Each structure stands twice: as structure tokens, then as C-alpha cells.
Amino acid sequence: MKKIFLLVTALLITFTLSSCSNDEDLASIGLDGMSGKEILTGVADGSIKVDGFGLSVYDDELMVLVNDKKISVNMPDDEFYLSVAPYIGSTHTCGFHSATGCRGELKQETFFVEFVDSDNNVILSEEISTMSNGFFDLWLPRNIEGTLTITQGDLTTSKLISTESGQPTCETTMQLT
């Protein structure tokens, strides 16, 4: 019984110390206490400057890469993040978005974007501009399937998108034709 108590105590101390270290690492880049959505929204709107850290986005966590460490930050339970880079001539393969590394072809351009779920409910219908990295970010309801349509002038593209657990957070296969 004493050995189990010592083992549990050692694990709790290790967890507490690593948690403190993670908080210090996030604080060193100004991200302490922030959710995954707050961080990604801040990077997208320019209020968070990406300097000295990386961000990899999975459906259930945002991985912050700082000081040779990977720190997991929770993503919303009811929203799914999808970063989209429509293209005309060139793209890259991507499954899980690197918010600090992925680059799309069509930078700072405006598109009409619509997402309609499988029950024909319009979830999103608005003009959206790509950021300086050629992507625009969507926050869609979790656990639905729908058609994403992107239009720019006479060019358009559509694709069936799922926001189920484990689905890609980076969409780079939508060629405008």
C-alpha cells in the first residue's frame, strides 16, 4: 500500500510540475490562459503575432510548439475548426493545419463561401477573405456533414465536408474552375 501511495504521489508531482512548466512556456509567448479558439482567432485577426512558436491544429486539440515542447490546448467541444486554401493553379497536401507554416496560393482575396448541412440548413453564407497565408478559417458545428462551396467571380468549387472526430482541419484540395 505504501508503494502505491508513493507512486501516486510521484505521478501527481510530475504532472503538477509539467503543467506549471507548460503554463510558463505559454506565458513566455503571451498565450497563457487562452483556449485553442482564442489563440487561432488571435492569429487570424493579427492580434497575436506568431513569433517563436508553432501551431498545429487537430480536431480536438491545438498543439503549441514552443521551446522544443509540444503543449496541448483544448479546442471547443461544440465547434470544428477548418482552415481552407482554395486554389487555381497550385496547392499542397495537408491533413492537419499548421497555422504557422501552411501557405496557400490565393492570398488576401475575397470569396463567397457557403456551407449547407445534409439537411439543407444553411450554416454559413458570406463573403470571406483569405489571410496573408492564403487560408481562411471556419468554425463549423461539430458532428455534421455538409457541402462547402467557394465562389470567386465565374470560378467555383464544392466539396462534401465532415466535422466528425478525427477529420482533417486543413482543406487544400478545392480547385476553383
C-alpha atoms as a PDB file:
ATOM      1  CA  MET A   1       0.000   0.000   0.000  1.00  0.00           C
ATOM      2  CA  LYS A   2       2.877   2.333   0.845  1.00  0.00           C
ATOM      3  CA  LYS A   3       4.441   1.701  -2.605  1.00  0.00           C
ATOM      4  CA  ILE A   4       1.170   2.573  -4.351  1.00  0.00           C
ATOM      5  CA  PHE A   5       0.867   5.762  -2.310  1.00  0.00           C
ATOM      6  CA  LEU A   6       4.451   6.764  -3.209  1.00  0.00           C
ATOM      7  CA  LEU A   7       3.853   6.001  -6.899  1.00  0.00           C
ATOM      8  CA  VAL A   8       0.636   8.049  -6.997  1.00  0.00           C
ATOM      9  CA  THR A   9       2.349  10.924  -5.159  1.00  0.00           C
ATOM     10  CA  ALA A  10       5.280  10.865  -7.600  1.00  0.00           C
ATOM     11  CA  LEU A  11       2.902  10.918 -10.592  1.00  0.00           C
ATOM     12  CA  LEU A  12       0.934  13.840  -9.151  1.00  0.00           C
ATOM     13  CA  ILE A  13       4.115  15.833  -8.523  1.00  0.00           C
ATOM     14  CA  THR A  14       5.387  15.098 -12.055  1.00  0.00           C
ATOM     15  CA  PHE A  15       2.053  16.128 -13.571  1.00  0.00           C
ATOM     16  CA  THR A  16       1.916  19.318 -11.500  1.00  0.00           C
ATOM     17  CA  LEU A  17       5.481  20.308 -12.393  1.00  0.00           C
ATOM     18  CA  SER A  18       4.997  19.632 -16.108  1.00  0.00           C
ATOM     19  CA  SER A  19       1.731  21.565 -16.033  1.00  0.00           C
ATOM     20  CA  CYS A  20       3.478  24.533 -14.392  1.00  0.00           C
ATOM     21  CA  SER A  21       6.260  24.330 -16.972  1.00  0.00           C
ATOM     22  CA  ASN A  22       3.695  24.303 -19.795  1.00  0.00           C
ATOM     23  CA  ASP A  23       1.953  27.339 -18.292  1.00  0.00           C
ATOM     24  CA  GLU A  24       5.297  29.145 -18.066  1.00  0.00           C
ATOM     25  CA  ASP A  25       6.102  28.282 -21.691  1.00  0.00           C
ATOM     26  CA  LEU A  26       2.690  29.562 -22.842  1.00  0.00           C
ATOM     27  CA  ALA A  27       3.114  32.691 -20.696  1.00  0.00           C
ATOM     28  CA  SER A  28       6.503  33.352 -22.297  1.00  0.00           C
ATOM     29  CA  ILE A  29       4.767  33.796 -25.675  1.00  0.00           C
ATOM     30  CA  GLY A  30       1.654  35.552 -24.331  1.00  0.00           C
ATOM     31  CA  LEU A  31      -0.737  32.600 -24.676  1.00  0.00           C
ATOM     32  CA  ASP A  32      -1.258  31.611 -21.034  1.00  0.00           C
ATOM     33  CA  GLY A  33      -4.873  31.026 -20.057  1.00  0.00           C
ATOM     34  CA  MET A  34      -6.092  31.104 -23.661  1.00  0.00           C
ATOM     35  CA  SER A  35      -8.255  28.465 -25.337  1.00  0.00           C
ATOM     36  CA  GLY A  36      -7.401  26.960 -28.706  1.00  0.00           C
ATOM     37  CA  LYS A  37     -10.121  29.025 -30.372  1.00  0.00           C
ATOM     38  CA  GLU A  38      -8.857  32.261 -28.769  1.00  0.00           C
ATOM     39  CA  ILE A  39      -5.318  31.550 -29.966  1.00  0.00           C
ATOM     40  CA  LEU A  40      -6.350  30.667 -33.528  1.00  0.00           C
ATOM     41  CA  THR A  41      -8.732  33.629 -33.759  1.00  0.00           C
ATOM     42  CA  GLY A  42      -5.994  35.958 -32.498  1.00  0.00           C
ATOM     43  CA  VAL A  43      -3.505  34.643 -35.057  1.00  0.00           C
ATOM     44  CA  ALA A  44      -6.126  35.020 -37.820  1.00  0.00           C
ATOM     45  CA  ASP A  45      -7.078  38.597 -36.917  1.00  0.00           C
ATOM     46  CA  GLY A  46      -3.474  39.645 -36.286  1.00  0.00           C
ATOM     47  CA  SER A  47      -3.876  40.419 -32.576  1.00  0.00           C
ATOM     48  CA  ILE A  48      -1.440  37.567 -31.793  1.00  0.00           C
ATOM     49  CA  LYS A  49       1.902  37.802 -33.560  1.00  0.00           C
ATOM     50  CA  VAL A  50       3.427  34.438 -34.351  1.00  0.00           C
ATOM     51  CA  ASP A  51       6.979  34.739 -33.113  1.00  0.00           C
ATOM     52  CA  GLY A  52       8.992  31.936 -31.561  1.00  0.00           C
ATOM     53  CA  PHE A  53       6.283  29.269 -31.621  1.00  0.00           C
ATOM     54  CA  GLY A  54       4.386  26.974 -33.956  1.00  0.00           C
ATOM     55  CA  LEU A  55       0.760  25.855 -34.077  1.00  0.00           C
ATOM     56  CA  SER A  56      -0.566  22.533 -35.357  1.00  0.00           C
ATOM     57  CA  VAL A  57      -4.338  22.114 -35.382  1.00  0.00           C
ATOM     58  CA  TYR A  58      -6.107  18.814 -34.789  1.00  0.00           C
ATOM     59  CA  ASP A  59      -9.843  18.366 -34.431  1.00  0.00           C
ATOM     60  CA  ASP A  60      -9.686  18.063 -30.637  1.00  0.00           C
ATOM     61  CA  GLU A  61      -6.543  19.984 -29.700  1.00  0.00           C
ATOM     62  CA  LEU A  62      -4.272  22.805 -30.694  1.00  0.00           C
ATOM     63  CA  MET A  63      -0.641  21.791 -30.356  1.00  0.00           C
ATOM     64  CA  VAL A  64       1.556  24.748 -29.421  1.00  0.00           C
ATOM     65  CA  LEU A  65       5.208  24.116 -30.237  1.00  0.00           C
ATOM     66  CA  VAL A  66       7.454  26.241 -28.004  1.00  0.00           C
ATOM     67  CA  ASN A  67      10.926  25.740 -26.531  1.00  0.00           C
ATOM     68  CA  ASP A  68      11.179  22.252 -28.092  1.00  0.00           C
ATOM     69  CA  LYS A  69       7.964  21.239 -26.280  1.00  0.00           C
ATOM     70  CA  LYS A  70       4.537  20.290 -27.539  1.00  0.00           C
ATOM     71  CA  ILE A  71       1.807  21.780 -25.365  1.00  0.00           C
ATOM     72  CA  SER A  72      -1.778  20.656 -25.897  1.00  0.00           C
ATOM     73  CA  VAL A  73      -4.512  23.301 -25.688  1.00  0.00           C
ATOM     74  CA  ASN A  74      -8.159  22.199 -25.836  1.00  0.00           C
ATOM     75  CA  MET A  75     -10.406  23.018 -28.762  1.00  0.00           C
ATOM     76  CA  PRO A  76     -14.150  23.736 -28.355  1.00  0.00           C
ATOM     77  CA  ASP A  77     -16.396  20.711 -27.781  1.00  0.00           C
ATOM     78  CA  ASP A  78     -19.169  22.091 -29.992  1.00  0.00           C
ATOM     79  CA  GLU A  79     -17.184  23.684 -32.845  1.00  0.00           C
ATOM     80  CA  PHE A  80     -14.898  22.252 -35.510  1.00  0.00           C
ATOM     81  CA  TYR A  81     -12.025  24.284 -36.927  1.00  0.00           C
ATOM     82  CA  LEU A  82     -11.347  24.045 -40.660  1.00  0.00           C
ATOM     83  CA  SER A  83      -8.754  26.140 -42.456  1.00  0.00           C
ATOM     84  CA  VAL A  84      -9.333  26.333 -46.214  1.00  0.00           C
ATOM     85  CA  ALA A  85      -7.000  27.372 -49.036  1.00  0.00           C
ATOM     86  CA  PRO A  86      -8.853  27.438 -52.349  1.00  0.00           C
ATOM     87  CA  TYR A  87      -6.554  27.412 -55.346  1.00  0.00           C
ATOM     88  CA  ILE A  88      -6.439  27.831 -59.107  1.00  0.00           C
ATOM     89  CA  GLY A  89      -3.003  26.552 -60.142  1.00  0.00           C
ATOM     90  CA  SER A  90      -1.008  25.177 -57.215  1.00  0.00           C
ATOM     91  CA  THR A  91      -1.617  23.631 -53.809  1.00  0.00           C
ATOM     92  CA  HIS A  92      -0.051  21.281 -51.276  1.00  0.00           C
ATOM     93  CA  THR A  93      -1.188  18.155 -49.471  1.00  0.00           C
ATOM     94  CA  CYS A  94      -2.330  18.813 -45.926  1.00  0.00           C
ATOM     95  CA  GLY A  95      -4.395  16.925 -43.369  1.00  0.00           C
ATOM     96  CA  PHE A  96      -3.920  18.829 -40.128  1.00  0.00           C
ATOM     97  CA  HIS A  97      -3.346  22.543 -40.466  1.00  0.00           C
ATOM     98  CA  SER A  98      -0.107  24.198 -39.457  1.00  0.00           C
ATOM     99  CA  ALA A  99      -1.356  27.679 -38.619  1.00  0.00           C
ATOM    100  CA  THR A 100       2.230  28.919 -38.625  1.00  0.00           C
ATOM    101  CA  GLY A 101       3.524  27.046 -41.654  1.00  0.00           C
ATOM    102  CA  CYS A 102       0.895  26.260 -44.315  1.00  0.00           C
ATOM    103  CA  ARG A 103       0.759  28.609 -47.291  1.00  0.00           C
ATOM    104  CA  GLY A 104      -1.951  28.795 -49.943  1.00  0.00           C
ATOM    105  CA  GLU A 105      -1.854  30.264 -53.429  1.00  0.00           C
ATOM    106  CA  LEU A 106      -4.607  32.911 -53.226  1.00  0.00           C
ATOM    107  CA  LYS A 107      -3.548  35.426 -50.582  1.00  0.00           C
ATOM    108  CA  GLN A 108      -5.790  38.251 -49.364  1.00  0.00           C
ATOM    109  CA  GLU A 109      -8.501  37.540 -51.907  1.00  0.00           C
ATOM    110  CA  THR A 110     -12.264  37.599 -51.326  1.00  0.00           C
ATOM    111  CA  PHE A 111     -14.602  34.655 -51.922  1.00  0.00           C
ATOM    112  CA  PHE A 112     -18.258  33.892 -51.402  1.00  0.00           C
ATOM    113  CA  VAL A 113     -18.372  30.898 -49.049  1.00  0.00           C
ATOM    114  CA  GLU A 114     -21.379  28.749 -48.271  1.00  0.00           C
ATOM    115  CA  PHE A 115     -21.718  25.672 -46.072  1.00  0.00           C
ATOM    116  CA  VAL A 116     -25.016  23.763 -46.243  1.00  0.00           C
ATOM    117  CA  ASP A 117     -25.521  20.734 -43.993  1.00  0.00           C
ATOM    118  CA  SER A 118     -27.003  17.411 -45.123  1.00  0.00           C
ATOM    119  CA  ASP A 119     -30.493  18.568 -44.029  1.00  0.00           C
ATOM    120  CA  ASN A 120     -30.199  21.634 -46.335  1.00  0.00           C
ATOM    121  CA  ASN A 121     -29.714  24.055 -43.441  1.00  0.00           C
ATOM    122  CA  VAL A 122     -27.506  26.974 -44.426  1.00  0.00           C
ATOM    123  CA  ILE A 123     -24.815  27.078 -41.746  1.00  0.00           C
ATOM    124  CA  LEU A 124     -22.687  29.753 -43.393  1.00  0.00           C
ATOM    125  CA  SER A 125     -23.268  32.100 -46.335  1.00  0.00           C
ATOM    126  CA  GLU A 126     -20.955  35.111 -46.548  1.00  0.00           C
ATOM    127  CA  GLU A 127     -18.001  36.795 -48.176  1.00  0.00           C
ATOM    128  CA  ILE A 128     -14.702  35.770 -46.626  1.00  0.00           C
ATOM    129  CA  SER A 129     -11.163  36.896 -47.412  1.00  0.00           C
ATOM    130  CA  THR A 130      -8.096  34.732 -47.227  1.00  0.00           C
ATOM    131  CA  MET A 131      -5.352  35.849 -44.875  1.00  0.00           C
ATOM    132  CA  SER A 132      -1.770  36.631 -45.888  1.00  0.00           C
ATOM    133  CA  ASN A 133      -1.072  32.878 -45.801  1.00  0.00           C
ATOM    134  CA  GLY A 134      -3.763  32.126 -48.431  1.00  0.00           C
ATOM    135  CA  PHE A 135      -6.179  30.447 -45.991  1.00  0.00           C
ATOM    136  CA  PHE A 136      -9.472  31.397 -44.380  1.00  0.00           C
ATOM    137  CA  ASP A 137     -10.670  29.805 -41.155  1.00  0.00           C
ATOM    138  CA  LEU A 138     -14.117  28.382 -40.495  1.00  0.00           C
ATOM    139  CA  TRP A 139     -15.670  27.407 -37.162  1.00  0.00           C
ATOM    140  CA  LEU A 140     -18.399  24.900 -38.011  1.00  0.00           C
ATOM    141  CA  PRO A 141     -20.710  22.878 -35.765  1.00  0.00           C
ATOM    142  CA  ARG A 142     -19.209  19.544 -34.729  1.00  0.00           C
ATOM    143  CA  ASN A 143     -20.509  16.170 -35.870  1.00  0.00           C
ATOM    144  CA  ILE A 144     -22.241  17.245 -39.061  1.00  0.00           C
ATOM    145  CA  GLU A 145     -21.706  16.700 -42.757  1.00  0.00           C
ATOM    146  CA  GLY A 146     -22.326  19.306 -45.412  1.00  0.00           C
ATOM    147  CA  THR A 147     -21.271  20.816 -48.693  1.00  0.00           C
ATOM    148  CA  LEU A 148     -18.741  23.629 -48.717  1.00  0.00           C
ATOM    149  CA  THR A 149     -18.990  25.810 -51.823  1.00  0.00           C
ATOM    150  CA  ILE A 150     -16.492  28.552 -52.657  1.00  0.00           C
ATOM    151  CA  THR A 151     -17.087  31.048 -55.469  1.00  0.00           C
ATOM    152  CA  GLN A 152     -14.941  33.827 -56.890  1.00  0.00           C
ATOM    153  CA  GLY A 153     -16.366  35.534 -59.961  1.00  0.00           C
ATOM    154  CA  ASP A 154     -17.115  32.819 -62.537  1.00  0.00           C
ATOM    155  CA  LEU A 155     -14.967  30.246 -60.704  1.00  0.00           C
ATOM    156  CA  THR A 156     -16.421  27.800 -58.202  1.00  0.00           C
ATOM    157  CA  THR A 157     -15.672  24.613 -56.293  1.00  0.00           C
ATOM    158  CA  SER A 158     -17.656  22.374 -53.928  1.00  0.00           C
ATOM    159  CA  LYS A 159     -16.786  19.524 -51.619  1.00  0.00           C
ATOM    160  CA  LEU A 160     -18.516  17.328 -49.036  1.00  0.00           C
ATOM    161  CA  ILE A 161     -17.028  18.114 -45.604  1.00  0.00           C
ATOM    162  CA  SER A 162     -17.401  16.185 -42.345  1.00  0.00           C
ATOM    163  CA  THR A 163     -16.781  17.707 -38.928  1.00  0.00           C
ATOM    164  CA  GLU A 164     -16.675  14.354 -37.139  1.00  0.00           C
ATOM    165  CA  SER A 165     -13.875  13.478 -34.735  1.00  0.00           C
ATOM    166  CA  GLY A 166     -10.570  12.751 -36.479  1.00  0.00           C
ATOM    167  CA  GLN A 167     -11.405  14.656 -39.662  1.00  0.00           C
ATOM    168  CA  PRO A 168      -8.773  16.907 -41.300  1.00  0.00           C
ATOM    169  CA  THR A 169      -8.528  20.530 -40.201  1.00  0.00           C
ATOM    170  CA  CYS A 170      -6.756  21.634 -43.385  1.00  0.00           C
ATOM    171  CA  GLU A 171      -8.549  21.737 -46.742  1.00  0.00           C
ATOM    172  CA  THR A 172      -6.281  22.336 -49.744  1.00  0.00           C
ATOM    173  CA  THR A 173      -7.991  20.278 -52.469  1.00  0.00           C
ATOM    174  CA  MET A 174     -10.671  22.751 -53.590  1.00  0.00           C
ATOM    175  CA  GLN A 175      -9.640  23.970 -57.039  1.00  0.00           C
ATOM    176  CA  LEU A 176     -11.616  26.862 -58.468  1.00  0.00           C
ATOM    177  CA  THR A 177     -12.594  26.124 -62.072  1.00  0.00           C
END
